[in-house]
């Protein structure tokens, strides 16, 4: 089961909780995500890994927000 499918299923069982997470996600900006990754030292994560993670988070956020 994909993470998107799991969220959908959880949302059916607990719609209030799902909406709470969506509300939090709506408040999270791309600058917030980038700031989190900027704080990680370069000996812990490569620039390529940072870019990949930021893009994956952005993609998944958009997918969740369009449910």
PDB file of N, CA and C in Angstrom:
ATOM      1  N   UNK A   1       0.841  -1.171   0.000  1.00  0.00           N
ATOM      2  CA  UNK A   1       0.000   0.000   0.000  1.00  0.00           C
ATOM      3  C   UNK A   1       0.892   1.243   0.000  1.00  0.00           C
ATOM      4  N   UNK A   2       0.564   2.165  -0.844  1.00  0.00           N
ATOM      5  CA  UNK A   2       1.341   3.410  -0.901  1.00  0.00           C
ATOM      6  C   UNK A   2       1.022   4.286   0.307  1.00  0.00           C
ATOM      7  N   UNK A   3       1.870   5.255   0.552  1.00  0.00           N
ATOM      8  CA  UNK A   3       1.617   6.163   1.673  1.00  0.00           C
ATOM      9  C   UNK A   3       0.353   6.989   1.431  1.00  0.00           C
ATOM     10  N   UNK A   4       0.094   7.324   0.181  1.00  0.00           N
ATOM     11  CA  UNK A   4      -1.116   8.069  -0.154  1.00  0.00           C
ATOM     12  C   UNK A   4      -2.359   7.229   0.130  1.00  0.00           C
ATOM     13  N   UNK A   5      -2.318   5.969  -0.249  1.00  0.00           N
ATOM     14  CA  UNK A   5      -3.434   5.058   0.029  1.00  0.00           C
ATOM     15  C   UNK A   5      -3.617   4.866   1.530  1.00  0.00           C
ATOM     16  N   UNK A   6      -2.523   4.760   2.246  1.00  0.00           N
ATOM     17  CA  UNK A   6      -2.603   4.598   3.697  1.00  0.00           C
ATOM     18  C   UNK A   6      -3.246   5.830   4.338  1.00  0.00           C
ATOM     19  N   UNK A   7      -2.888   7.012   3.860  1.00  0.00           N
ATOM     20  CA  UNK A   7      -3.489   8.230   4.395  1.00  0.00           C
ATOM     21  C   UNK A   7      -4.983   8.268   4.089  1.00  0.00           C
ATOM     22  N   UNK A   8      -5.349   7.879   2.876  1.00  0.00           N
ATOM     23  CA  UNK A   8      -6.764   7.834   2.514  1.00  0.00           C
ATOM     24  C   UNK A   8      -7.534   6.913   3.445  1.00  0.00           C
ATOM     25  N   UNK A   9      -7.010   5.706   3.651  1.00  0.00           N
ATOM     26  CA  UNK A   9      -7.655   4.733   4.535  1.00  0.00           C
ATOM     27  C   UNK A   9      -7.772   5.267   5.953  1.00  0.00           C
ATOM     28  N   UNK A  10      -6.697   5.850   6.457  1.00  0.00           N
ATOM     29  CA  UNK A  10      -6.722   6.415   7.806  1.00  0.00           C
ATOM     30  C   UNK A  10      -7.741   7.549   7.882  1.00  0.00           C
ATOM     31  N   UNK A  11      -7.847   8.325   6.812  1.00  0.00           N
ATOM     32  CA  UNK A  11      -8.804   9.425   6.770  1.00  0.00           C
ATOM     33  C   UNK A  11     -10.248   8.963   6.806  1.00  0.00           C
ATOM     34  N   UNK A  12     -10.505   7.805   6.250  1.00  0.00           N
ATOM     35  CA  UNK A  12     -11.853   7.235   6.303  1.00  0.00           C
ATOM     36  C   UNK A  12     -12.188   6.852   7.744  1.00  0.00           C
ATOM     37  N   UNK A  13     -11.203   6.294   8.427  1.00  0.00           N
ATOM     38  CA  UNK A  13     -11.419   5.837   9.814  1.00  0.00           C
ATOM     39  C   UNK A  13     -11.407   6.984  10.818  1.00  0.00           C
ATOM     40  N   UNK A  14     -10.573   7.979  10.564  1.00  0.00           N
ATOM     41  CA  UNK A  14     -10.432   9.108  11.478  1.00  0.00           C
ATOM     42  C   UNK A  14     -10.409  10.417  10.685  1.00  0.00           C
ATOM     43  N   UNK A  15     -11.552  10.842  10.162  1.00  0.00           N
ATOM     44  CA  UNK A  15     -11.562  12.041   9.311  1.00  0.00           C
ATOM     45  C   UNK A  15     -11.065  13.297  10.020  1.00  0.00           C
ATOM     46  N   UNK A  16     -11.336  13.426  11.296  1.00  0.00           N
ATOM     47  CA  UNK A  16     -10.867  14.604  12.026  1.00  0.00           C
ATOM     48  C   UNK A  16      -9.357  14.669  12.091  1.00  0.00           C
ATOM     49  N   UNK A  17      -8.734  13.527  12.316  1.00  0.00           N
ATOM     50  CA  UNK A  17      -7.269  13.473  12.377  1.00  0.00           C
ATOM     51  C   UNK A  17      -6.668  13.775  11.011  1.00  0.00           C
ATOM     52  N   UNK A  18      -7.261  13.214   9.965  1.00  0.00           N
ATOM     53  CA  UNK A  18      -6.763  13.466   8.612  1.00  0.00           C
ATOM     54  C   UNK A  18      -6.843  14.955   8.286  1.00  0.00           C
ATOM     55  N   UNK A  19      -7.957  15.577   8.645  1.00  0.00           N
ATOM     56  CA  UNK A  19      -8.110  17.006   8.366  1.00  0.00           C
ATOM     57  C   UNK A  19      -7.115  17.833   9.168  1.00  0.00           C
ATOM     58  N   UNK A  20      -6.830  17.414  10.386  1.00  0.00           N
ATOM     59  CA  UNK A  20      -5.848  18.134  11.202  1.00  0.00           C
ATOM     60  C   UNK A  20      -4.477  18.101  10.532  1.00  0.00           C
ATOM     61  N   UNK A  21      -4.091  16.946   9.997  1.00  0.00           N
ATOM     62  CA  UNK A  21      -2.790  16.837   9.322  1.00  0.00           C
ATOM     63  C   UNK A  21      -2.772  17.633   8.026  1.00  0.00           C
ATOM     64  N   UNK A  22      -3.868  17.625   7.293  1.00  0.00           N
ATOM     65  CA  UNK A  22      -3.947  18.417   6.057  1.00  0.00           C
ATOM     66  C   UNK A  22      -3.816  19.905   6.377  1.00  0.00           C
ATOM     67  N   UNK A  23      -4.463  20.342   7.450  1.00  0.00           N
ATOM     68  CA  UNK A  23      -4.379  21.744   7.862  1.00  0.00           C
ATOM     69  C   UNK A  23      -2.937  22.116   8.195  1.00  0.00           C
ATOM     70  N   UNK A  24      -2.252  21.237   8.902  1.00  0.00           N
ATOM     71  CA  UNK A  24      -0.841  21.503   9.225  1.00  0.00           C
ATOM     72  C   UNK A  24       0.006  21.553   7.959  1.00  0.00           C
ATOM     73  N   UNK A  25      -0.280  20.649   7.032  1.00  0.00           N
ATOM     74  CA  UNK A  25       0.467  20.597   5.775  1.00  0.00           C
ATOM     75  C   UNK A  25       0.241  21.861   4.954  1.00  0.00           C
ATOM     76  N   UNK A  26      -0.979  22.382   4.972  1.00  0.00           N
ATOM     77  CA  UNK A  26      -1.279  23.617   4.243  1.00  0.00           C
ATOM     78  C   UNK A  26      -0.473  24.799   4.777  1.00  0.00           C
ATOM     79  N   UNK A  27      -0.149  24.771   6.045  1.00  0.00           N
ATOM     80  CA  UNK A  27       0.607  25.859   6.671  1.00  0.00           C
ATOM     81  C   UNK A  27       2.113  25.751   6.431  1.00  0.00           C
ATOM     82  N   UNK A  28       2.565  24.612   5.982  1.00  0.00           N
ATOM     83  CA  UNK A  28       3.997  24.372   5.778  1.00  0.00           C
ATOM     84  C   UNK A  28       4.404  24.874   4.388  1.00  0.00           C
ATOM     85  N   UNK A  29       5.307  25.810   4.353  1.00  0.00           N
ATOM     86  CA  UNK A  29       5.747  26.375   3.071  1.00  0.00           C
ATOM     87  C   UNK A  29       6.989  25.642   2.559  1.00  0.00           C
ATOM     88  N   UNK A  30       7.280  25.841   1.299  1.00  0.00           N
ATOM     89  CA  UNK A  30       8.497  25.250   0.735  1.00  0.00           C
ATOM     90  C   UNK A  30       9.731  25.845   1.403  1.00  0.00           C
ATOM     91  N   UNK A  31       9.632  27.103   1.830  1.00  0.00           N
ATOM     92  CA  UNK A  31      10.746  27.728   2.550  1.00  0.00           C
ATOM     93  C   UNK A  31      10.969  27.056   3.906  1.00  0.00           C
ATOM     94  N   UNK A  32       9.895  26.636   4.560  1.00  0.00           N
ATOM     95  CA  UNK A  32      10.019  25.920   5.835  1.00  0.00           C
ATOM     96  C   UNK A  32      10.791  24.615   5.639  1.00  0.00           C
ATOM     97  N   UNK A  33      10.421  23.884   4.601  1.00  0.00           N
ATOM     98  CA  UNK A  33      11.081  22.599   4.318  1.00  0.00           C
ATOM     99  C   UNK A  33      12.549  22.828   3.979  1.00  0.00           C
ATOM    100  N   UNK A  34      12.816  23.808   3.139  1.00  0.00           N
ATOM    101  CA  UNK A  34      14.199  24.095   2.759  1.00  0.00           C
ATOM    102  C   UNK A  34      15.029  24.517   3.969  1.00  0.00           C
ATOM    103  N   UNK A  35      14.431  25.261   4.890  1.00  0.00           N
ATOM    104  CA  UNK A  35      15.146  25.687   6.097  1.00  0.00           C
ATOM    105  C   UNK A  35      15.516  24.493   6.978  1.00  0.00           C
ATOM    106  N   UNK A  36      14.626  23.529   7.052  1.00  0.00           N
ATOM    107  CA  UNK A  36      14.913  22.319   7.827  1.00  0.00           C
ATOM    108  C   UNK A  36      16.130  21.603   7.254  1.00  0.00           C
ATOM    109  N   UNK A  37      16.150  21.434   5.946  1.00  0.00           N
ATOM    110  CA  UNK A  37      17.268  20.734   5.319  1.00  0.00           C
ATOM    111  C   UNK A  37      18.545  21.564   5.312  1.00  0.00           C
ATOM    112  N   UNK A  38      18.409  22.873   5.269  1.00  0.00           N
ATOM    113  CA  UNK A  38      19.593  23.735   5.316  1.00  0.00           C
ATOM    114  C   UNK A  38      20.311  23.603   6.659  1.00  0.00           C
ATOM    115  N   UNK A  39      19.563  23.253   7.696  1.00  0.00           N
ATOM    116  CA  UNK A  39      20.152  23.118   9.034  1.00  0.00           C
ATOM    117  C   UNK A  39      20.914  21.802   9.217  1.00  0.00           C
ATOM    118  N   UNK A  40      20.756  20.870   8.285  1.00  0.00           N
ATOM    119  CA  UNK A  40      21.460  19.591   8.392  1.00  0.00           C
ATOM    120  C   UNK A  40      22.881  19.768   7.864  1.00  0.00           C
ATOM    121  N   UNK A  41      23.833  19.370   8.654  1.00  0.00           N
ATOM    122  CA  UNK A  41      25.238  19.526   8.272  1.00  0.00           C
ATOM    123  C   UNK A  41      25.578  18.709   7.027  1.00  0.00           C
ATOM    124  N   UNK A  42      26.491  19.242   6.225  1.00  0.00           N
ATOM    125  CA  UNK A  42      26.855  18.588   4.958  1.00  0.00           C
ATOM    126  C   UNK A  42      27.556  17.249   5.157  1.00  0.00           C
ATOM    127  N   UNK A  43      28.074  16.977   6.361  1.00  0.00           N
ATOM    128  CA  UNK A  43      28.671  15.660   6.583  1.00  0.00           C
ATOM    129  C   UNK A  43      27.606  14.618   6.948  1.00  0.00           C
ATOM    130  N   UNK A  44      26.347  15.058   7.075  1.00  0.00           N
ATOM    131  CA  UNK A  44      25.227  14.155   7.371  1.00  0.00           C
ATOM    132  C   UNK A  44      24.379  13.835   6.141  1.00  0.00           C
ATOM    133  N   UNK A  45      24.364  14.770   5.179  1.00  0.00           N
ATOM    134  CA  UNK A  45      23.543  14.575   3.982  1.00  0.00           C
ATOM    135  C   UNK A  45      24.182  15.345   2.827  1.00  0.00           C
ATOM    136  N   UNK A  46      24.204  14.729   1.669  1.00  0.00           N
ATOM    137  CA  UNK A  46      24.795  15.392   0.505  1.00  0.00           C
ATOM    138  C   UNK A  46      23.809  16.398  -0.088  1.00  0.00           C
ATOM    139  N   UNK A  47      24.327  17.286  -0.904  1.00  0.00           N
ATOM    140  CA  UNK A  47      23.477  18.277  -1.570  1.00  0.00           C
ATOM    141  C   UNK A  47      22.452  17.584  -2.472  1.00  0.00           C
ATOM    142  N   UNK A  48      22.879  16.525  -3.138  1.00  0.00           N
ATOM    143  CA  UNK A  48      21.967  15.769  -4.010  1.00  0.00           C
ATOM    144  C   UNK A  48      20.858  15.135  -3.190  1.00  0.00           C
ATOM    145  N   UNK A  49      21.201  14.555  -2.050  1.00  0.00           N
ATOM    146  CA  UNK A  49      20.199  13.932  -1.181  1.00  0.00           C
ATOM    147  C   UNK A  49      19.225  14.975  -0.636  1.00  0.00           C
ATOM    148  N   UNK A  50      19.726  16.157  -0.294  1.00  0.00           N
ATOM    149  CA  UNK A  50      18.859  17.235   0.171  1.00  0.00           C
ATOM    150  C   UNK A  50      17.857  17.620  -0.917  1.00  0.00           C
ATOM    151  N   UNK A  51      18.358  17.838  -2.121  1.00  0.00           N
ATOM    152  CA  UNK A  51      17.484  18.210  -3.235  1.00  0.00           C
ATOM    153  C   UNK A  51      16.428  17.147  -3.490  1.00  0.00           C
ATOM    154  N   UNK A  52      16.852  15.886  -3.461  1.00  0.00           N
ATOM    155  CA  UNK A  52      15.917  14.778  -3.682  1.00  0.00           C
ATOM    156  C   UNK A  52      14.834  14.770  -2.602  1.00  0.00           C
ATOM    157  N   UNK A  53      15.234  14.879  -1.352  1.00  0.00           N
ATOM    158  CA  UNK A  53      14.279  14.842  -0.242  1.00  0.00           C
ATOM    159  C   UNK A  53      13.292  16.007  -0.318  1.00  0.00           C
ATOM    160  N   UNK A  54      13.792  17.184  -0.624  1.00  0.00           N
ATOM    161  CA  UNK A  54      12.921  18.359  -0.741  1.00  0.00           C
ATOM    162  C   UNK A  54      11.910  18.163  -1.864  1.00  0.00           C
ATOM    163  N   UNK A  55      12.353  17.651  -2.994  1.00  0.00           N
ATOM    164  CA  UNK A  55      11.441  17.416  -4.123  1.00  0.00           C
ATOM    165  C   UNK A  55      10.410  16.347  -3.798  1.00  0.00           C
ATOM    166  N   UNK A  56      10.838  15.279  -3.114  1.00  0.00           N
ATOM    167  CA  UNK A  56       9.901  14.211  -2.734  1.00  0.00           C
ATOM    168  C   UNK A  56       8.854  14.732  -1.751  1.00  0.00           C
ATOM    169  N   UNK A  57       9.295  15.498  -0.769  1.00  0.00           N
ATOM    170  CA  UNK A  57       8.349  16.068   0.188  1.00  0.00           C
ATOM    171  C   UNK A  57       7.369  17.008  -0.494  1.00  0.00           C
ATOM    172  N   UNK A  58       7.850  17.817  -1.404  1.00  0.00           N
ATOM    173  CA  UNK A  58       6.969  18.740  -2.126  1.00  0.00           C
ATOM    174  C   UNK A  58       5.949  17.984  -2.969  1.00  0.00           C
ATOM    175  N   UNK A  59       6.406  16.961  -3.665  1.00  0.00           N
ATOM    176  CA  UNK A  59       5.506  16.154  -4.495  1.00  0.00           C
ATOM    177  C   UNK A  59       4.442  15.480  -3.640  1.00  0.00           C
ATOM    178  N   UNK A  60       4.862  14.854  -2.552  1.00  0.00           N
ATOM    179  CA  UNK A  60       3.904  14.160  -1.686  1.00  0.00           C
ATOM    180  C   UNK A  60       2.942  15.138  -1.015  1.00  0.00           C
ATOM    181  N   UNK A  61       3.429  16.305  -0.665  1.00  0.00           N
ATOM    182  CA  UNK A  61       2.531  17.318  -0.083  1.00  0.00           C
ATOM    183  C   UNK A  61       1.452  17.709  -1.092  1.00  0.00           C
ATOM    184  N   UNK A  62       1.849  17.943  -2.327  1.00  0.00           N
ATOM    185  CA  UNK A  62       0.860  18.290  -3.349  1.00  0.00           C
ATOM    186  C   UNK A  62      -0.155  17.173  -3.571  1.00  0.00           C
ATOM    187  N   UNK A  63       0.314  15.952  -3.553  1.00  0.00           N
ATOM    188  CA  UNK A  63      -0.583  14.808  -3.719  1.00  0.00           C
ATOM    189  C   UNK A  63      -1.583  14.735  -2.572  1.00  0.00           C
ATOM    190  N   UNK A  64      -1.119  14.939  -1.354  1.00  0.00           N
ATOM    191  CA  UNK A  64      -2.016  14.894  -0.204  1.00  0.00           C
ATOM    192  C   UNK A  64      -3.013  16.057  -0.225  1.00  0.00           C
ATOM    193  N   UNK A  65      -2.571  17.216  -0.648  1.00  0.00           N
ATOM    194  CA  UNK A  65      -3.443  18.384  -0.658  1.00  0.00           C
ATOM    195  C   UNK A  65      -4.505  18.326  -1.746  1.00  0.00           C
ATOM    196  N   UNK A  66      -4.349  17.425  -2.701  1.00  0.00           N
ATOM    197  CA  UNK A  66      -5.354  17.309  -3.765  1.00  0.00           C
ATOM    198  C   UNK A  66      -6.305  16.146  -3.531  1.00  0.00           C
ATOM    199  N   UNK A  67      -6.236  15.516  -2.385  1.00  0.00           N
ATOM    200  CA  UNK A  67      -7.176  14.420  -2.070  1.00  0.00           C
ATOM    201  C   UNK A  67      -8.590  14.938  -1.944  1.00  0.00           C
TER     202      UNK A  67
END
